[in-house]
Amino acid sequence: MGDRDEWQPPADLLAFPDMTVQEHLDMGAWTIRKQGDKEKALDRVYLLFPWLKEKEKRKAKQMSGGEQQMLSLARALMIQPKILLLDEPSLGLSPKMVKNVFEKIVEIKNSGISCLMVEQKAAMVLAYSDYGYVLEMGNNRYEGRGKDLLHNPDVRRLYLGG
């Protein structure tokens, strides 16, 4: 645990620890054939995550968990997907970094890329979501606009602690 009170996921859960930022982005662009298209993809990623440009040579294991999470997002965005599947993007992150990651996800969504997310921080994800599903024991219990679910008294009482 070290000096931190909160659990931190092993580095290899978020990124490949011995690969540099540039190597991660190159791996994300493996389907891009034209150099000009790869450069455009890099420009888009650096526009969203400008600090990555400064850390091109840094290995993932030298980055915080939040930085690794954003690097993983950047890697996935290199091919300009139509939909981005996110599994627990807040896992192990500090509250400040969770907010930063969610703000980047909103920017990604606003750029035209749909985001499908599974997340335990239900109140936060519903606040940021256009549409949501509340699952119970693998079954769909509630669905609707994110903000409507967030303010639904039954959802609040049963799943959001009040």
Protein backbone atom coordinates (compact mmCIF):
# COMPACT_ATOMS: atom_id res chain seq x y z
CA MET A 1 0.00 0.00 0.00
CA GLY A 2 2.85 2.41 0.65
CA ASP A 3 1.98 6.00 1.48
CA ARG A 4 -1.48 5.82 -0.08
CA ASP A 5 -4.59 4.87 1.85
CA GLU A 6 -6.51 3.82 -1.25
CA TRP A 7 -6.05 0.67 -3.28
CA GLN A 8 -4.21 1.16 -6.55
CA PRO A 9 -4.59 -1.38 -9.35
CA PRO A 10 -1.41 -2.99 -10.63
CA ALA A 11 -0.01 -0.94 -13.50
CA ASP A 12 -0.57 -3.74 -16.00
CA LEU A 13 -4.34 -3.59 -15.47
CA LEU A 14 -4.46 -0.19 -17.17
CA ALA A 15 -1.49 -0.14 -19.50
CA PHE A 16 1.52 -2.20 -20.49
CA PRO A 17 4.06 -1.17 -17.82
CA ASP A 18 7.25 -1.42 -19.88
CA MET A 19 5.87 0.31 -22.98
CA THR A 20 6.22 4.03 -23.56
CA VAL A 21 3.37 6.40 -24.29
CA GLN A 22 4.41 6.45 -27.95
CA GLU A 23 4.48 2.64 -28.11
CA HIS A 24 0.96 2.50 -26.66
CA LEU A 25 -0.32 4.97 -29.25
CA ASP A 26 1.48 3.11 -32.07
CA MET A 27 -0.15 -0.12 -30.90
CA GLY A 28 -3.55 1.59 -30.88
CA ALA A 29 -2.98 2.65 -34.48
CA TRP A 30 -2.02 -0.79 -35.74
CA THR A 31 -4.87 -0.86 -38.30
CA ILE A 32 -4.02 2.55 -39.78
CA ARG A 33 -2.17 2.04 -43.04
CA LYS A 34 -1.50 5.60 -44.25
CA GLN A 35 1.06 7.68 -42.36
CA GLY A 36 -1.06 10.81 -42.85
CA ASP A 37 -4.05 9.11 -41.20
CA LYS A 38 -1.89 8.05 -38.27
CA GLU A 39 -0.66 11.62 -37.85
CA LYS A 40 -4.27 12.89 -37.86
CA ALA A 41 -5.17 10.31 -35.21
CA LEU A 42 -2.20 11.40 -33.08
CA ASP A 43 -3.25 15.04 -33.46
CA ARG A 44 -6.77 14.19 -32.25
CA VAL A 45 -5.43 12.26 -29.27
CA TYR A 46 -2.97 15.02 -28.35
CA LEU A 47 -5.74 17.58 -28.58
CA LEU A 48 -7.75 15.59 -26.03
CA PHE A 49 -4.73 14.62 -23.89
CA PRO A 50 -2.08 17.33 -24.48
CA TRP A 51 0.12 16.16 -21.61
CA LEU A 52 0.76 12.86 -23.44
CA LYS A 53 2.87 14.66 -26.05
CA GLU A 54 5.27 15.77 -23.32
CA LYS A 55 5.52 12.19 -22.00
CA GLU A 56 6.00 10.29 -25.28
CA LYS A 57 9.14 8.53 -24.01
CA ARG A 58 7.82 7.81 -20.50
CA LYS A 59 7.00 4.22 -19.63
CA ALA A 60 3.52 3.47 -18.32
CA LYS A 61 4.88 2.13 -15.04
CA GLN A 62 6.23 5.63 -14.33
CA MET A 63 2.72 7.13 -14.53
CA SER A 64 -0.08 7.37 -11.98
CA GLY A 65 -3.13 5.12 -12.25
CA GLY A 66 -5.19 8.01 -13.62
CA GLU A 67 -2.58 8.83 -16.24
CA GLN A 68 -2.49 5.17 -17.24
CA GLN A 69 -6.29 5.12 -17.52
CA MET A 70 -6.18 8.15 -19.82
CA LEU A 71 -3.33 6.57 -21.80
CA SER A 72 -5.53 3.49 -22.27
CA LEU A 73 -8.35 5.73 -23.51
CA ALA A 74 -5.95 7.49 -25.89
CA ARG A 75 -4.69 4.15 -27.22
CA ALA A 76 -8.26 3.02 -27.91
CA LEU A 77 -9.10 6.31 -29.63
CA MET A 78 -6.27 6.05 -32.15
CA ILE A 79 -8.49 4.14 -34.61
CA GLN A 80 -11.40 6.61 -34.16
CA PRO A 81 -13.89 3.94 -33.11
CA LYS A 82 -17.62 4.42 -33.51
CA ILE A 83 -18.18 3.08 -30.00
CA LEU A 84 -15.87 2.89 -27.01
CA LEU A 85 -16.51 0.14 -24.46
CA LEU A 86 -15.38 1.10 -20.97
CA ASP A 87 -15.20 -1.29 -18.04
CA GLU A 88 -14.88 0.45 -14.66
CA PRO A 89 -12.89 3.49 -15.84
CA SER A 90 -12.83 4.83 -12.26
CA LEU A 91 -11.32 1.68 -10.73
CA GLY A 92 -8.67 2.53 -8.14
CA LEU A 93 -8.52 6.23 -8.96
CA SER A 94 -8.57 9.18 -6.59
CA PRO A 95 -11.79 11.25 -6.57
CA LYS A 96 -10.05 14.08 -8.45
CA MET A 97 -8.75 11.72 -11.14
CA VAL A 98 -12.18 10.04 -11.45
CA LYS A 99 -13.67 13.46 -12.22
CA ASN A 100 -10.92 14.10 -14.81
CA VAL A 101 -11.48 10.73 -16.48
CA PHE A 102 -15.26 11.26 -16.64
CA GLU A 103 -14.78 14.75 -18.12
CA LYS A 104 -12.58 13.22 -20.84
CA ILE A 105 -15.23 10.58 -21.50
CA VAL A 106 -17.79 13.38 -21.99
CA GLU A 107 -15.40 15.09 -24.43
CA ILE A 108 -15.02 11.80 -26.30
CA LYS A 109 -18.81 11.40 -26.42
CA ASN A 110 -19.21 14.99 -27.61
CA SER A 111 -16.75 14.29 -30.42
CA GLY A 112 -19.24 11.77 -31.86
CA ILE A 113 -17.95 8.53 -30.36
CA SER A 114 -20.58 6.59 -28.42
CA CYS A 115 -19.45 5.29 -25.04
CA LEU A 116 -20.85 2.19 -23.38
CA MET A 117 -19.75 1.97 -19.78
CA VAL A 118 -20.01 -0.50 -16.94
CA GLU A 119 -19.33 1.32 -13.68
CA GLN A 120 -19.87 0.80 -9.96
CA LYS A 121 -20.00 4.54 -9.21
CA ALA A 122 -23.63 4.59 -10.29
CA ALA A 123 -24.53 8.13 -9.22
CA MET A 124 -21.54 9.62 -11.02
CA VAL A 125 -22.03 7.67 -14.23
CA LEU A 126 -25.76 8.45 -14.34
CA ALA A 127 -24.99 12.15 -13.94
CA TYR A 128 -22.77 11.99 -17.02
CA SER A 129 -24.87 9.55 -19.09
CA ASP A 130 -27.40 10.22 -21.81
CA TYR A 131 -29.06 6.88 -21.13
CA GLY A 132 -28.60 4.21 -18.49
CA TYR A 133 -29.56 0.77 -17.38
CA VAL A 134 -29.65 -0.37 -13.76
CA LEU A 135 -29.02 -4.08 -13.58
CA GLU A 136 -29.91 -6.34 -10.69
CA MET A 137 -28.66 -9.92 -10.66
CA GLY A 138 -27.98 -9.65 -14.38
CA ASN A 139 -31.48 -8.44 -15.22
CA ASN A 140 -32.51 -5.00 -16.37
CA ARG A 141 -34.39 -3.44 -13.46
CA TYR A 142 -34.58 0.20 -14.61
CA GLU A 143 -33.67 2.10 -17.75
CA GLY A 144 -34.01 5.63 -19.00
CA ARG A 145 -32.23 8.93 -19.36
CA GLY A 146 -29.27 9.11 -17.00
CA LYS A 147 -30.52 12.16 -15.11
CA ASP A 148 -34.03 10.67 -14.80
CA LEU A 149 -32.61 7.50 -13.26
CA LEU A 150 -30.40 9.57 -10.97
CA HIS A 151 -33.47 11.36 -9.61
CA ASN A 152 -35.79 8.32 -9.58
CA PRO A 153 -36.73 7.80 -5.90
CA ASP A 154 -36.71 4.00 -6.21
CA VAL A 155 -33.29 3.94 -7.90
CA ARG A 156 -31.94 6.37 -5.28
CA ARG A 157 -33.33 4.34 -2.37
CA LEU A 158 -32.37 0.88 -3.68
CA TYR A 159 -29.05 1.53 -5.42
CA LEU A 160 -27.65 4.95 -4.56
CA GLY A 161 -27.94 4.93 -0.80
CA GLY A 162 -30.80 7.31 -0.31
